[in-house]
PDB file of N, CA and C in Angstrom:
ATOM      1  N   MET A   1     -34.678  36.536  -1.482  1.00  0.00           N
ATOM      2  CA  MET A   1     -35.047  37.227  -1.512  1.00  0.00           C
ATOM      3  C   MET A   1     -34.319  37.909  -0.334  1.00  0.00           C
ATOM      4  N   LYS A   2     -34.477  39.624  -0.216  1.00  0.00           N
ATOM      5  CA  LYS A   2     -33.743  39.941   0.710  1.00  0.00           C
ATOM      6  C   LYS A   2     -34.159  40.258   1.626  1.00  0.00           C
ATOM      7  N   ASN A   3     -34.071  41.073   2.855  1.00  0.00           N
ATOM      8  CA  ASN A   3     -34.879  41.166   3.966  1.00  0.00           C
ATOM      9  C   ASN A   3     -34.850  42.782   4.283  1.00  0.00           C
ATOM     10  N   ASN A   4     -36.026  44.131   4.445  1.00  0.00           N
ATOM     11  CA  ASN A   4     -35.760  44.424   3.969  1.00  0.00           C
ATOM     12  C   ASN A   4     -35.889  45.262   5.111  1.00  0.00           C
ATOM     13  N   PRO A   5     -34.611  46.543   5.530  1.00  0.00           N
ATOM     14  CA  PRO A   5     -34.437  46.847   6.533  1.00  0.00           C
ATOM     15  C   PRO A   5     -34.463  47.919   6.867  1.00  0.00           C
ATOM     16  N   ILE A   6     -35.822  48.682   6.603  1.00  0.00           N
ATOM     17  CA  ILE A   6     -37.102  48.900   6.761  1.00  0.00           C
ATOM     18  C   ILE A   6     -37.704  48.657   8.312  1.00  0.00           C
ATOM     19  N   ILE A   7     -38.351  47.460   8.020  1.00  0.00           N
ATOM     20  CA  ILE A   7     -39.146  46.227   9.033  1.00  0.00           C
ATOM     21  C   ILE A   7     -39.345  46.729  10.047  1.00  0.00           C
ATOM     22  N   PRO A   8     -37.897  46.357  11.249  1.00  0.00           N
ATOM     23  CA  PRO A   8     -37.826  46.540  12.145  1.00  0.00           C
ATOM     24  C   PRO A   8     -38.382  47.769  12.908  1.00  0.00           C
ATOM     25  N   TYR A   9     -37.572  48.797  12.280  1.00  0.00           N
ATOM     26  CA  TYR A   9     -38.010  50.629  12.760  1.00  0.00           C
ATOM     27  C   TYR A   9     -39.497  50.681  12.640  1.00  0.00           C
ATOM     28  N   ILE A  10     -40.101  49.953  11.519  1.00  0.00           N
ATOM     29  CA  ILE A  10     -41.403  49.864  11.606  1.00  0.00           C
ATOM     30  C   ILE A  10     -42.286  49.326  12.477  1.00  0.00           C
ATOM     31  N   LEU A  11     -42.377  48.400  12.711  1.00  0.00           N
ATOM     32  CA  LEU A  11     -42.468  47.247  14.326  1.00  0.00           C
ATOM     33  C   LEU A  11     -42.210  48.618  15.581  1.00  0.00           C
ATOM     34  N   ILE A  12     -41.057  49.271  15.831  1.00  0.00           N
ATOM     35  CA  ILE A  12     -40.970  49.814  17.042  1.00  0.00           C
ATOM     36  C   ILE A  12     -41.625  50.864  17.117  1.00  0.00           C
ATOM     37  N   MET A  13     -42.301  51.610  16.039  1.00  0.00           N
ATOM     38  CA  MET A  13     -42.448  52.420  15.723  1.00  0.00           C
ATOM     39  C   MET A  13     -44.149  52.744  15.862  1.00  0.00           C
ATOM     40  N   ALA A  14     -44.806  51.059  15.336  1.00  0.00           N
ATOM     41  CA  ALA A  14     -46.286  50.550  15.672  1.00  0.00           C
ATOM     42  C   ALA A  14     -46.325  50.278  17.304  1.00  0.00           C
ATOM     43  N   PHE A  15     -45.477  50.010  17.891  1.00  0.00           N
ATOM     44  CA  PHE A  15     -45.445  49.395  18.881  1.00  0.00           C
ATOM     45  C   PHE A  15     -45.269  50.698  19.903  1.00  0.00           C
ATOM     46  N   GLY A  16     -44.417  51.973  19.845  1.00  0.00           N
ATOM     47  CA  GLY A  16     -44.264  52.892  20.707  1.00  0.00           C
ATOM     48  C   GLY A  16     -45.716  53.738  20.274  1.00  0.00           C
ATOM     49  N   ILE A  17     -46.256  54.163  18.876  1.00  0.00           N
ATOM     50  CA  ILE A  17     -47.152  54.068  19.164  1.00  0.00           C
ATOM     51  C   ILE A  17     -48.782  53.596  19.510  1.00  0.00           C
ATOM     52  N   GLY A  18     -48.730  52.096  19.768  1.00  0.00           N
ATOM     53  CA  GLY A  18     -49.800  51.450  20.422  1.00  0.00           C
ATOM     54  C   GLY A  18     -49.406  51.785  21.919  1.00  0.00           C
ATOM     55  N   LEU A  19     -48.481  52.070  22.813  1.00  0.00           N
ATOM     56  CA  LEU A  19     -48.574  52.114  23.895  1.00  0.00           C
ATOM     57  C   LEU A  19     -48.661  53.490  24.584  1.00  0.00           C
ATOM     58  N   ILE A  20     -48.115  54.650  23.205  1.00  0.00           N
ATOM     59  CA  ILE A  20     -48.610  55.898  23.823  1.00  0.00           C
ATOM     60  C   ILE A  20     -50.063  55.725  23.942  1.00  0.00           C
ATOM     61  N   PHE A  21     -51.205  55.417  23.139  1.00  0.00           N
ATOM     62  CA  PHE A  21     -52.105  55.390  23.255  1.00  0.00           C
ATOM     63  C   PHE A  21     -52.852  54.619  24.402  1.00  0.00           C
ATOM     64  N   PHE A  22     -52.086  53.129  24.485  1.00  0.00           N
ATOM     65  CA  PHE A  22     -52.922  52.173  25.802  1.00  0.00           C
ATOM     66  C   PHE A  22     -52.390  53.070  27.037  1.00  0.00           C
ATOM     67  N   LEU A  23     -51.459  53.885  27.170  1.00  0.00           N
ATOM     68  CA  LEU A  23     -50.897  54.442  28.646  1.00  0.00           C
ATOM     69  C   LEU A  23     -51.716  55.773  28.690  1.00  0.00           C
ATOM     70  N   SER A  24     -52.692  56.674  27.253  1.00  0.00           N
ATOM     71  CA  SER A  24     -53.193  57.881  27.379  1.00  0.00           C
ATOM     72  C   SER A  24     -54.766  56.821  27.739  1.00  0.00           C
ATOM     73  N   LEU A  25     -54.987  56.186  27.548  1.00  0.00           N
ATOM     74  CA  LEU A  25     -56.541  55.714  27.950  1.00  0.00           C
ATOM     75  C   LEU A  25     -56.225  55.346  28.972  1.00  0.00           C
ATOM     76  N   GLU A  26     -55.323  54.287  29.411  1.00  0.00           N
ATOM     77  CA  GLU A  26     -54.785  54.556  31.197  1.00  0.00           C
ATOM     78  C   GLU A  26     -54.711  55.766  31.988  1.00  0.00           C
ATOM     79  N   GLY A  27     -54.822  56.849  31.199  1.00  0.00           N
ATOM     80  CA  GLY A  27     -54.627  58.211  32.536  1.00  0.00           C
ATOM     81  C   GLY A  27     -56.224  59.054  32.297  1.00  0.00           C
ATOM     82  N   VAL A  28     -56.385  58.604  31.175  1.00  0.00           N
ATOM     83  CA  VAL A  28     -58.074  59.278  31.186  1.00  0.00           C
ATOM     84  C   VAL A  28     -58.597  58.186  31.989  1.00  0.00           C
ATOM     85  N   GLY A  29     -58.724  56.932  32.378  1.00  0.00           N
ATOM     86  CA  GLY A  29     -59.358  55.833  33.681  1.00  0.00           C
ATOM     87  C   GLY A  29     -59.196  56.629  34.625  1.00  0.00           C
ATOM     88  N   ASN A  30     -58.123  56.590  34.618  1.00  0.00           N
ATOM     89  CA  ASN A  30     -57.782  57.098  36.133  1.00  0.00           C
ATOM     90  C   ASN A  30     -57.599  58.332  36.474  1.00  0.00           C
ATOM     91  N   LYS A  31     -57.869  59.232  36.327  1.00  0.00           N
ATOM     92  CA  LYS A  31     -57.934  60.822  36.050  1.00  0.00           C
ATOM     93  C   LYS A  31     -57.915  61.352  37.971  1.00  0.00           C
ATOM     94  N   GLU A  32     -59.166  61.138  38.343  1.00  0.00           N
ATOM     95  CA  GLU A  32     -59.564  60.667  39.135  1.00  0.00           C
ATOM     96  C   GLU A  32     -58.632  60.592  40.794  1.00  0.00           C
ATOM     97  N   GLU A  33     -58.055  59.487  40.455  1.00  0.00           N
ATOM     98  CA  GLU A  33     -56.950  58.674  41.290  1.00  0.00           C
ATOM     99  C   GLU A  33     -55.526  59.640  40.955  1.00  0.00           C
ATOM    100  N   ILE A  34     -55.328  59.871  40.080  1.00  0.00           N
ATOM    101  CA  ILE A  34     -53.705  60.732  39.681  1.00  0.00           C
ATOM    102  C   ILE A  34     -54.023  62.104  40.357  1.00  0.00           C
ATOM    103  N   ALA A  35     -55.747  62.582  40.150  1.00  0.00           N
ATOM    104  CA  ALA A  35     -55.024  63.933  40.574  1.00  0.00           C
ATOM    105  C   ALA A  35     -55.234  64.216  42.102  1.00  0.00           C
ATOM    106  N   ALA A  36     -55.878  62.758  42.682  1.00  0.00           N
ATOM    107  CA  ALA A  36     -55.720  62.807  44.067  1.00  0.00           C
ATOM    108  C   ALA A  36     -54.810  62.923  44.568  1.00  0.00           C
ATOM    109  N   HIS A  37     -53.917  61.703  44.028  1.00  0.00           N
ATOM    110  CA  HIS A  37     -52.541  61.247  44.626  1.00  0.00           C
ATOM    111  C   HIS A  37     -51.381  62.435  44.972  1.00  0.00           C
ATOM    112  N   GLY A  38     -51.572  63.513  43.920  1.00  0.00           N
ATOM    113  CA  GLY A  38     -51.132  64.364  43.302  1.00  0.00           C
ATOM    114  C   GLY A  38     -51.422  65.548  44.548  1.00  0.00           C
ATOM    115  N   ASP A  39     -52.376  66.023  45.249  1.00  0.00           N
ATOM    116  CA  ASP A  39     -53.015  66.761  46.005  1.00  0.00           C
ATOM    117  C   ASP A  39     -52.001  65.957  47.193  1.00  0.00           C
ATOM    118  N   GLU A  40     -52.558  65.303  47.021  1.00  0.00           N
ATOM    119  CA  GLU A  40     -52.557  64.385  48.557  1.00  0.00           C
ATOM    120  C   GLU A  40     -50.499  64.346  48.970  1.00  0.00           C
ATOM    121  N   ALA A  41     -49.415  64.638  47.520  1.00  0.00           N
ATOM    122  CA  ALA A  41     -47.841  64.485  47.564  1.00  0.00           C
ATOM    123  C   ALA A  41     -47.442  66.170  48.050  1.00  0.00           C
ATOM    124  N   ALA A  42     -48.622  66.576  46.792  1.00  0.00           N
ATOM    125  CA  ALA A  42     -47.814  68.787  47.483  1.00  0.00           C
ATOM    126  C   ALA A  42     -48.146  68.913  49.194  1.00  0.00           C
ATOM    127  N   THR A  43     -49.399  68.004  49.323  1.00  0.00           N
ATOM    128  CA  THR A  43     -50.043  68.490  50.986  1.00  0.00           C
ATOM    129  C   THR A  43     -48.519  67.760  51.610  1.00  0.00           C
ATOM    130  N   GLU A  44     -47.972  66.443  51.312  1.00  0.00           N
ATOM    131  CA  GLU A  44     -46.803  65.773  51.729  1.00  0.00           C
ATOM    132  C   GLU A  44     -45.812  66.487  52.196  1.00  0.00           C
ATOM    133  N   GLU A  45     -45.452  66.447  50.957  1.00  0.00           N
ATOM    134  CA  GLU A  45     -43.628  67.931  50.457  1.00  0.00           C
ATOM    135  C   GLU A  45     -44.108  69.236  51.235  1.00  0.00           C
ATOM    136  N   GLY A  46     -45.058  69.775  52.181  1.00  0.00           N
ATOM    137  CA  GLY A  46     -45.032  70.814  52.472  1.00  0.00           C
ATOM    138  C   GLY A  46     -45.508  72.226  52.052  1.00  0.00           C
ATOM    139  N   GLY A  47     -45.543  71.740  50.498  1.00  0.00           N
ATOM    140  CA  GLY A  47     -45.592  72.514  49.471  1.00  0.00           C
ATOM    141  C   GLY A  47     -47.744  73.535  49.585  1.00  0.00           C
ATOM    142  N   ALA A  48     -47.824  74.230  49.683  1.00  0.00           N
ATOM    143  CA  ALA A  48     -49.538  74.853  49.786  1.00  0.00           C
ATOM    144  C   ALA A  48     -49.504  74.839  47.408  1.00  0.00           C
ATOM    145  N   THR A  49     -51.134  74.844  48.050  1.00  0.00           N
ATOM    146  CA  THR A  49     -51.313  75.054  46.462  1.00  0.00           C
ATOM    147  C   THR A  49     -51.971  75.951  46.368  1.00  0.00           C
ATOM    148  N   ALA A  50     -51.975  76.946  45.393  1.00  0.00           N
ATOM    149  CA  ALA A  50     -52.332  77.626  44.511  1.00  0.00           C
ATOM    150  C   ALA A  50     -54.181  76.978  44.254  1.00  0.00           C
ATOM    151  N   GLU A  51     -54.584  78.258  43.661  1.00  0.00           N
ATOM    152  CA  GLU A  51     -56.862  77.956  43.116  1.00  0.00           C
ATOM    153  C   GLU A  51     -56.068  76.849  42.390  1.00  0.00           C
ATOM    154  N   GLY A  52     -55.391  77.085  41.595  1.00  0.00           N
ATOM    155  CA  GLY A  52     -55.268  76.490  40.201  1.00  0.00           C
ATOM    156  C   GLY A  52     -54.299  74.820  40.601  1.00  0.00           C
ATOM    157  N   GLY A  53     -54.117  74.349  41.619  1.00  0.00           N
ATOM    158  CA  GLY A  53     -54.172  73.189  42.216  1.00  0.00           C
ATOM    159  C   GLY A  53     -52.428  73.208  42.089  1.00  0.00           C
ATOM    160  N   ALA A  54     -51.716  74.139  41.525  1.00  0.00           N
ATOM    161  CA  ALA A  54     -49.953  73.749  41.205  1.00  0.00           C
ATOM    162  C   ALA A  54     -49.595  74.154  42.726  1.00  0.00           C
ATOM    163  N   SER A  55     -48.535  73.346  42.948  1.00  0.00           N
ATOM    164  CA  SER A  55     -48.452  73.596  44.509  1.00  0.00           C
ATOM    165  C   SER A  55     -47.093  74.977  44.072  1.00  0.00           C
ATOM    166  N   GLY A  56     -46.362  74.844  45.317  1.00  0.00           N
ATOM    167  CA  GLY A  56     -44.969  76.078  45.430  1.00  0.00           C
ATOM    168  C   GLY A  56     -43.910  75.529  44.769  1.00  0.00           C
ATOM    169  N   GLU A  57     -43.903  74.673  44.866  1.00  0.00           N
ATOM    170  CA  GLU A  57     -42.560  73.963  44.511  1.00  0.00           C
ATOM    171  C   GLU A  57     -42.708  73.660  43.268  1.00  0.00           C
ATOM    172  N   GLU A  58     -43.916  73.452  42.122  1.00  0.00           N
ATOM    173  CA  GLU A  58     -44.108  73.528  40.995  1.00  0.00           C
ATOM    174  C   GLU A  58     -43.657  74.828  40.576  1.00  0.00           C
ATOM    175  N   LEU A  59     -44.362  76.172  41.355  1.00  0.00           N
ATOM    176  CA  LEU A  59     -44.485  77.210  40.512  1.00  0.00           C
ATOM    177  C   LEU A  59     -43.212  77.672  41.140  1.00  0.00           C
ATOM    178  N   VAL A  60     -42.623  77.986  41.397  1.00  0.00           N
ATOM    179  CA  VAL A  60     -41.144  78.182  41.981  1.00  0.00           C
ATOM    180  C   VAL A  60     -40.405  77.768  40.881  1.00  0.00           C
ATOM    181  N   SER A  61     -40.623  77.254  40.099  1.00  0.00           N
ATOM    182  CA  SER A  61     -39.612  76.847  38.944  1.00  0.00           C
ATOM    183  C   SER A  61     -39.533  77.413  37.856  1.00  0.00           C
ATOM    184  N   ALA A  62     -40.746  78.758  37.986  1.00  0.00           N
ATOM    185  CA  ALA A  62     -40.771  79.801  37.028  1.00  0.00           C
ATOM    186  C   ALA A  62     -39.128  80.692  37.405  1.00  0.00           C
ATOM    187  N   CYS A  63     -39.372  80.684  38.527  1.00  0.00           N
ATOM    188  CA  CYS A  63     -37.651  81.758  39.678  1.00  0.00           C
ATOM    189  C   CYS A  63     -36.388  80.988  39.414  1.00  0.00           C
ATOM    190  N   ILE A  64     -36.663  80.073  39.211  1.00  0.00           N
ATOM    191  CA  ILE A  64     -35.131  79.236  38.890  1.00  0.00           C
ATOM    192  C   ILE A  64     -34.046  80.531  38.032  1.00  0.00           C
ATOM    193  N   GLY A  65     -34.414  80.515  36.818  1.00  0.00           N
ATOM    194  CA  GLY A  65     -33.597  81.182  35.496  1.00  0.00           C
ATOM    195  C   GLY A  65     -33.178  82.616  36.454  1.00  0.00           C
ATOM    196  N   CYS A  66     -33.640  83.324  36.947  1.00  0.00           N
ATOM    197  CA  CYS A  66     -32.910  84.667  37.658  1.00  0.00           C
ATOM    198  C   CYS A  66     -32.557  84.486  38.787  1.00  0.00           C
ATOM    199  N   HIS A  67     -33.401  83.791  39.798  1.00  0.00           N
ATOM    200  CA  HIS A  67     -32.634  83.747  41.224  1.00  0.00           C
ATOM    201  C   HIS A  67     -32.042  82.054  41.750  1.00  0.00           C
ATOM    202  N   GLY A  68     -31.236  81.035  40.542  1.00  0.00           N
ATOM    203  CA  GLY A  68     -30.586  80.358  40.524  1.00  0.00           C
ATOM    204  C   GLY A  68     -31.887  79.002  41.170  1.00  0.00           C
ATOM    205  N   GLY A  69     -30.936  77.627  40.415  1.00  0.00           N
ATOM    206  CA  GLY A  69     -31.670  76.933  40.946  1.00  0.00           C
ATOM    207  C   GLY A  69     -31.951  76.273  42.280  1.00  0.00           C
ATOM    208  N   ASP A  70     -31.149  76.377  42.745  1.00  0.00           N
ATOM    209  CA  ASP A  70     -31.437  76.399  44.523  1.00  0.00           C
ATOM    210  C   ASP A  70     -32.153  77.865  45.259  1.00  0.00           C
ATOM    211  N   LEU A  71     -32.155  78.901  44.797  1.00  0.00           N
ATOM    212  CA  LEU A  71     -33.002  80.062  44.902  1.00  0.00           C
ATOM    213  C   LEU A  71     -31.746  81.238  45.186  1.00  0.00           C
ATOM    214  N   THR A  72     -30.450  80.586  45.855  1.00  0.00           N
ATOM    215  CA  THR A  72     -29.646  81.224  46.417  1.00  0.00           C
ATOM    216  C   THR A  72     -28.965  82.220  46.042  1.00  0.00           C
ATOM    217  N   GLY A  73     -30.361  83.007  45.083  1.00  0.00           N
ATOM    218  CA  GLY A  73     -29.022  84.106  43.948  1.00  0.00           C
ATOM    219  C   GLY A  73     -28.944  84.391  42.414  1.00  0.00           C
ATOM    220  N   GLY A  74     -28.767  84.760  42.005  1.00  0.00           N
ATOM    221  CA  GLY A  74     -28.307  84.956  40.519  1.00  0.00           C
ATOM    222  C   GLY A  74     -28.203  85.673  39.714  1.00  0.00           C
ATOM    223  N   MET A  75     -28.671  87.011  39.046  1.00  0.00           N
ATOM    224  CA  MET A  75     -29.493  87.705  38.652  1.00  0.00           C
ATOM    225  C   MET A  75     -30.461  88.346  39.632  1.00  0.00           C
ATOM    226  N   GLY A  76     -31.262  87.609  39.681  1.00  0.00           N
ATOM    227  CA  GLY A  76     -32.222  88.302  41.058  1.00  0.00           C
ATOM    228  C   GLY A  76     -31.737  87.469  42.009  1.00  0.00           C
ATOM    229  N   PRO A  77     -32.072  88.487  43.412  1.00  0.00           N
ATOM    230  CA  PRO A  77     -31.348  88.123  45.270  1.00  0.00           C
ATOM    231  C   PRO A  77     -31.875  86.775  45.049  1.00  0.00           C
ATOM    232  N   LYS A  78     -31.168  86.678  46.305  1.00  0.00           N
ATOM    233  CA  LYS A  78     -32.010  85.139  46.806  1.00  0.00           C
ATOM    234  C   LYS A  78     -33.057  85.235  47.491  1.00  0.00           C
ATOM    235  N   LEU A  79     -33.973  84.096  47.468  1.00  0.00           N
ATOM    236  CA  LEU A  79     -34.854  84.339  47.911  1.00  0.00           C
ATOM    237  C   LEU A  79     -35.094  83.391  49.563  1.00  0.00           C
ATOM    238  N   ILE A  80     -34.115  82.625  49.709  1.00  0.00           N
ATOM    239  CA  ILE A  80     -34.170  81.427  50.913  1.00  0.00           C
ATOM    240  C   ILE A  80     -33.903  83.000  52.084  1.00  0.00           C
ATOM    241  N   GLY A  81     -34.895  82.633  52.684  1.00  0.00           N
ATOM    242  CA  GLY A  81     -34.532  83.824  53.739  1.00  0.00           C
ATOM    243  C   GLY A  81     -35.631  85.426  54.191  1.00  0.00           C
ATOM    244  N   GLN A  82     -35.923  85.194  52.387  1.00  0.00           N
ATOM    245  CA  GLN A  82     -36.895  86.255  52.745  1.00  0.00           C
ATOM    246  C   GLN A  82     -38.135  85.925  53.466  1.00  0.00           C
ATOM    247  N   ASP A  83     -38.733  87.545  53.657  1.00  0.00           N
ATOM    248  CA  ASP A  83     -39.929  87.338  54.404  1.00  0.00           C
ATOM    249  C   ASP A  83     -40.977  87.186  53.047  1.00  0.00           C
ATOM    250  N   PRO A  84     -42.141  86.556  54.208  1.00  0.00           N
ATOM    251  CA  PRO A  84     -43.072  85.607  52.670  1.00  0.00           C
ATOM    252  C   PRO A  84     -43.800  86.906  52.284  1.00  0.00           C
ATOM    253  N   ALA A  85     -44.566  87.925  53.685  1.00  0.00           N
ATOM    254  CA  ALA A  85     -45.435  89.198  53.488  1.00  0.00           C
ATOM    255  C   ALA A  85     -44.434  89.216  51.335  1.00  0.00           C
ATOM    256  N   HIS A  86     -43.423  89.621  52.030  1.00  0.00           N
ATOM    257  CA  HIS A  86     -42.488  90.265  50.864  1.00  0.00           C
ATOM    258  C   HIS A  86     -42.527  89.875  49.150  1.00  0.00           C
ATOM    259  N   ILE A  87     -42.709  88.800  49.372  1.00  0.00           N
ATOM    260  CA  ILE A  87     -42.224  88.007  47.873  1.00  0.00           C
ATOM    261  C   ILE A  87     -43.944  87.514  47.511  1.00  0.00           C
ATOM    262  N   VAL A  88     -44.310  87.669  48.469  1.00  0.00           N
ATOM    263  CA  VAL A  88     -46.198  87.859  47.852  1.00  0.00           C
ATOM    264  C   VAL A  88     -46.311  89.519  47.287  1.00  0.00           C
ATOM    265  N   ASP A  89     -45.984  90.325  47.595  1.00  0.00           N
ATOM    266  CA  ASP A  89     -45.768  91.409  47.160  1.00  0.00           C
ATOM    267  C   ASP A  89     -45.371  91.687  45.984  1.00  0.00           C
ATOM    268  N   VAL A  90     -44.041  91.264  46.245  1.00  0.00           N
ATOM    269  CA  VAL A  90     -43.084  91.221  44.716  1.00  0.00           C
ATOM    270  C   VAL A  90     -43.719  90.965  43.392  1.00  0.00           C
ATOM    271  N   LEU A  91     -44.264  89.272  43.880  1.00  0.00           N
ATOM    272  CA  LEU A  91     -44.753  88.550  42.905  1.00  0.00           C
ATOM    273  C   LEU A  91     -46.551  89.287  42.475  1.00  0.00           C
ATOM    274  N   THR A  92     -47.043  89.660  42.969  1.00  0.00           N
ATOM    275  CA  THR A  92     -48.029  90.641  42.443  1.00  0.00           C
ATOM    276  C   THR A  92     -47.911  91.596  42.324  1.00  0.00           C
ATOM    277  N   ASN A  93     -46.883  92.789  43.080  1.00  0.00           N
ATOM    278  CA  ASN A  93     -47.262  94.018  42.753  1.00  0.00           C
ATOM    279  C   ASN A  93     -45.395  94.925  41.779  1.00  0.00           C
ATOM    280  N   GLY A  94     -44.812  93.412  41.787  1.00  0.00           N
ATOM    281  CA  GLY A  94     -44.076  94.353  41.193  1.00  0.00           C
ATOM    282  C   GLY A  94     -42.934  94.820  41.466  1.00  0.00           C
ATOM    283  N   ILE A  95     -41.580  95.193  40.791  1.00  0.00           N
ATOM    284  CA  ILE A  95     -40.874  95.767  41.234  1.00  0.00           C
ATOM    285  C   ILE A  95     -40.410  96.622  40.060  1.00  0.00           C
ATOM    286  N   GLU A  96     -40.678  98.076  39.670  1.00  0.00           N
ATOM    287  CA  GLU A  96     -40.190  98.705  39.186  1.00  0.00           C
ATOM    288  C   GLU A  96     -38.952  99.382  38.645  1.00  0.00           C
ATOM    289  N   GLY A  97     -39.156  99.011  36.889  1.00  0.00           N
ATOM    290  CA  GLY A  97     -37.605  98.628  37.291  1.00  0.00           C
ATOM    291  C   GLY A  97     -36.415  97.900  36.330  1.00  0.00           C
ATOM    292  N   THR A  98     -36.987  96.199  36.726  1.00  0.00           N
ATOM    293  CA  THR A  98     -36.995  95.053  37.112  1.00  0.00           C
ATOM    294  C   THR A  98     -38.023  93.952  36.170  1.00  0.00           C
ATOM    295  N   PRO A  99     -37.589  93.065  35.784  1.00  0.00           N
ATOM    296  CA  PRO A  99     -38.095  91.921  35.231  1.00  0.00           C
ATOM    297  C   PRO A  99     -39.690  91.841  36.075  1.00  0.00           C
ATOM    298  N   MET A 100     -39.580  91.581  37.222  1.00  0.00           N
ATOM    299  CA  MET A 100     -40.362  91.697  37.880  1.00  0.00           C
ATOM    300  C   MET A 100     -41.880  92.871  37.659  1.00  0.00           C
ATOM    301  N   THR A 101     -42.402  92.315  37.333  1.00  0.00           N
ATOM    302  CA  THR A 101     -43.321  93.185  36.982  1.00  0.00           C
ATOM    303  C   THR A 101     -44.639  92.707  37.065  1.00  0.00           C
ATOM    304  N   PRO A 102     -45.741  93.727  37.572  1.00  0.00           N
ATOM    305  CA  PRO A 102     -46.998  93.775  38.230  1.00  0.00           C
ATOM    306  C   PRO A 102     -47.434  92.535  37.769  1.00  0.00           C
ATOM    307  N   GLY A 103     -48.300  91.711  37.888  1.00  0.00           N
ATOM    308  CA  GLY A 103     -49.301  90.492  38.083  1.00  0.00           C
ATOM    309  C   GLY A 103     -48.951  89.405  37.158  1.00  0.00           C
ATOM    310  N   LEU A 104     -47.263  89.491  38.649  1.00  0.00           N
ATOM    311  CA  LEU A 104     -47.106  87.885  37.360  1.00  0.00           C
ATOM    312  C   LEU A 104     -47.264  86.853  37.752  1.00  0.00           C
ATOM    313  N   LYS A 105     -48.065  86.983  39.154  1.00  0.00           N
ATOM    314  CA  LYS A 105     -48.937  85.651  39.817  1.00  0.00           C
ATOM    315  C   LYS A 105     -50.012  86.452  39.868  1.00  0.00           C
ATOM    316  N   THR A 106     -50.511  85.184  40.807  1.00  0.00           N
ATOM    317  CA  THR A 106     -52.045  85.638  41.114  1.00  0.00           C
ATOM    318  C   THR A 106     -51.635  85.372  42.762  1.00  0.00           C
ATOM    319  N   PRO A 107     -52.654  86.059  43.027  1.00  0.00           N
ATOM    320  CA  PRO A 107     -52.346  86.451  45.004  1.00  0.00           C
ATOM    321  C   PRO A 107     -52.518  85.261  45.278  1.00  0.00           C
ATOM    322  N   GLU A 108     -53.092  84.089  45.051  1.00  0.00           N
ATOM    323  CA  GLU A 108     -52.657  82.494  45.285  1.00  0.00           C
ATOM    324  C   GLU A 108     -52.092  82.019  44.769  1.00  0.00           C
ATOM    325  N   GLU A 109     -51.481  82.019  43.817  1.00  0.00           N
ATOM    326  CA  GLU A 109     -50.209  81.895  43.316  1.00  0.00           C
ATOM    327  C   GLU A 109     -48.603  82.422  44.115  1.00  0.00           C
ATOM    328  N   ALA A 110     -48.699  83.581  44.199  1.00  0.00           N
ATOM    329  CA  ALA A 110     -47.895  84.232  44.531  1.00  0.00           C
ATOM    330  C   ALA A 110     -47.657  83.608  46.363  1.00  0.00           C
ATOM    331  N   GLN A 111     -48.646  83.757  47.106  1.00  0.00           N
ATOM    332  CA  GLN A 111     -48.615  83.292  48.696  1.00  0.00           C
ATOM    333  C   GLN A 111     -48.583  81.552  48.199  1.00  0.00           C
ATOM    334  N   ALA A 112     -48.609  80.988  47.474  1.00  0.00           N
ATOM    335  CA  ALA A 112     -48.049  79.685  48.074  1.00  0.00           C
ATOM    336  C   ALA A 112     -46.355  79.553  47.032  1.00  0.00           C
ATOM    337  N   ILE A 113     -46.284  80.148  46.612  1.00  0.00           N
ATOM    338  CA  ILE A 113     -44.691  79.986  46.555  1.00  0.00           C
ATOM    339  C   ILE A 113     -43.803  80.572  47.663  1.00  0.00           C
ATOM    340  N   ALA A 114     -44.852  81.959  48.195  1.00  0.00           N
ATOM    341  CA  ALA A 114     -44.125  82.175  49.542  1.00  0.00           C
ATOM    342  C   ALA A 114     -43.913  80.950  50.597  1.00  0.00           C
ATOM    343  N   ASP A 115     -45.182  80.338  50.983  1.00  0.00           N
ATOM    344  CA  ASP A 115     -44.942  79.736  51.713  1.00  0.00           C
ATOM    345  C   ASP A 115     -43.957  77.959  51.468  1.00  0.00           C
ATOM    346  N   TYR A 116     -44.166  77.906  50.414  1.00  0.00           N
ATOM    347  CA  TYR A 116     -43.030  77.207  49.350  1.00  0.00           C
ATOM    348  C   TYR A 116     -41.337  77.484  49.654  1.00  0.00           C
ATOM    349  N   ILE A 117     -40.906  78.573  49.531  1.00  0.00           N
ATOM    350  CA  ILE A 117     -39.883  79.568  49.869  1.00  0.00           C
ATOM    351  C   ILE A 117     -39.833  79.268  51.271  1.00  0.00           C
ATOM    352  N   SER A 118     -40.552  80.033  52.420  1.00  0.00           N
ATOM    353  CA  SER A 118     -40.361  79.879  53.735  1.00  0.00           C
ATOM    354  C   SER A 118     -40.545  78.876  54.337  1.00  0.00           C
ATOM    355  N   THR A 119     -40.172  77.555  53.371  1.00  0.00           N
ATOM    356  CA  THR A 119     -40.097  75.740  53.981  1.00  0.00           C
ATOM    357  C   THR A 119     -38.594  74.937  53.593  1.00  0.00           C
ATOM    358  N   LEU A 120     -37.766  76.369  52.810  1.00  0.00           N
ATOM    359  CA  LEU A 120     -36.587  75.794  52.498  1.00  0.00           C
ATOM    360  C   LEU A 120     -35.525  76.768  53.605  1.00  0.00           C
ATOM    361  N   LYS A 121     -34.390  75.692  53.754  1.00  0.00           N
ATOM    362  CA  LYS A 121     -33.324  76.212  54.382  1.00  0.00           C
ATOM    363  C   LYS A 121     -32.496  76.724  53.428  1.00  0.00           C
TER     364      LYS A 121
END
């Protein structure tokens, strides 16, 4: 009788699905603890949080496509060293004729991004 070569792959798949199921249940059971830890981490990192709970550091990831991975410029200008009030204004009101359209971010998100950028050197 010949061994079926697909059996190890089926076992690995079943183990993976079981592991995903277990980790999902673990996450659901600890959601309050995980959320509290996330808030503490954002505060420790100096990232202000928007009303939705996202930190400025998380929100600024949408900016790196145009402003560069280190926010020192790319298609868009350098953000480090910009006036935080100007950043908030641009994110909420936009700049005509550019990809920075009005309403890109809520005022709370814009403030969290500006606060985070102001901590960068």
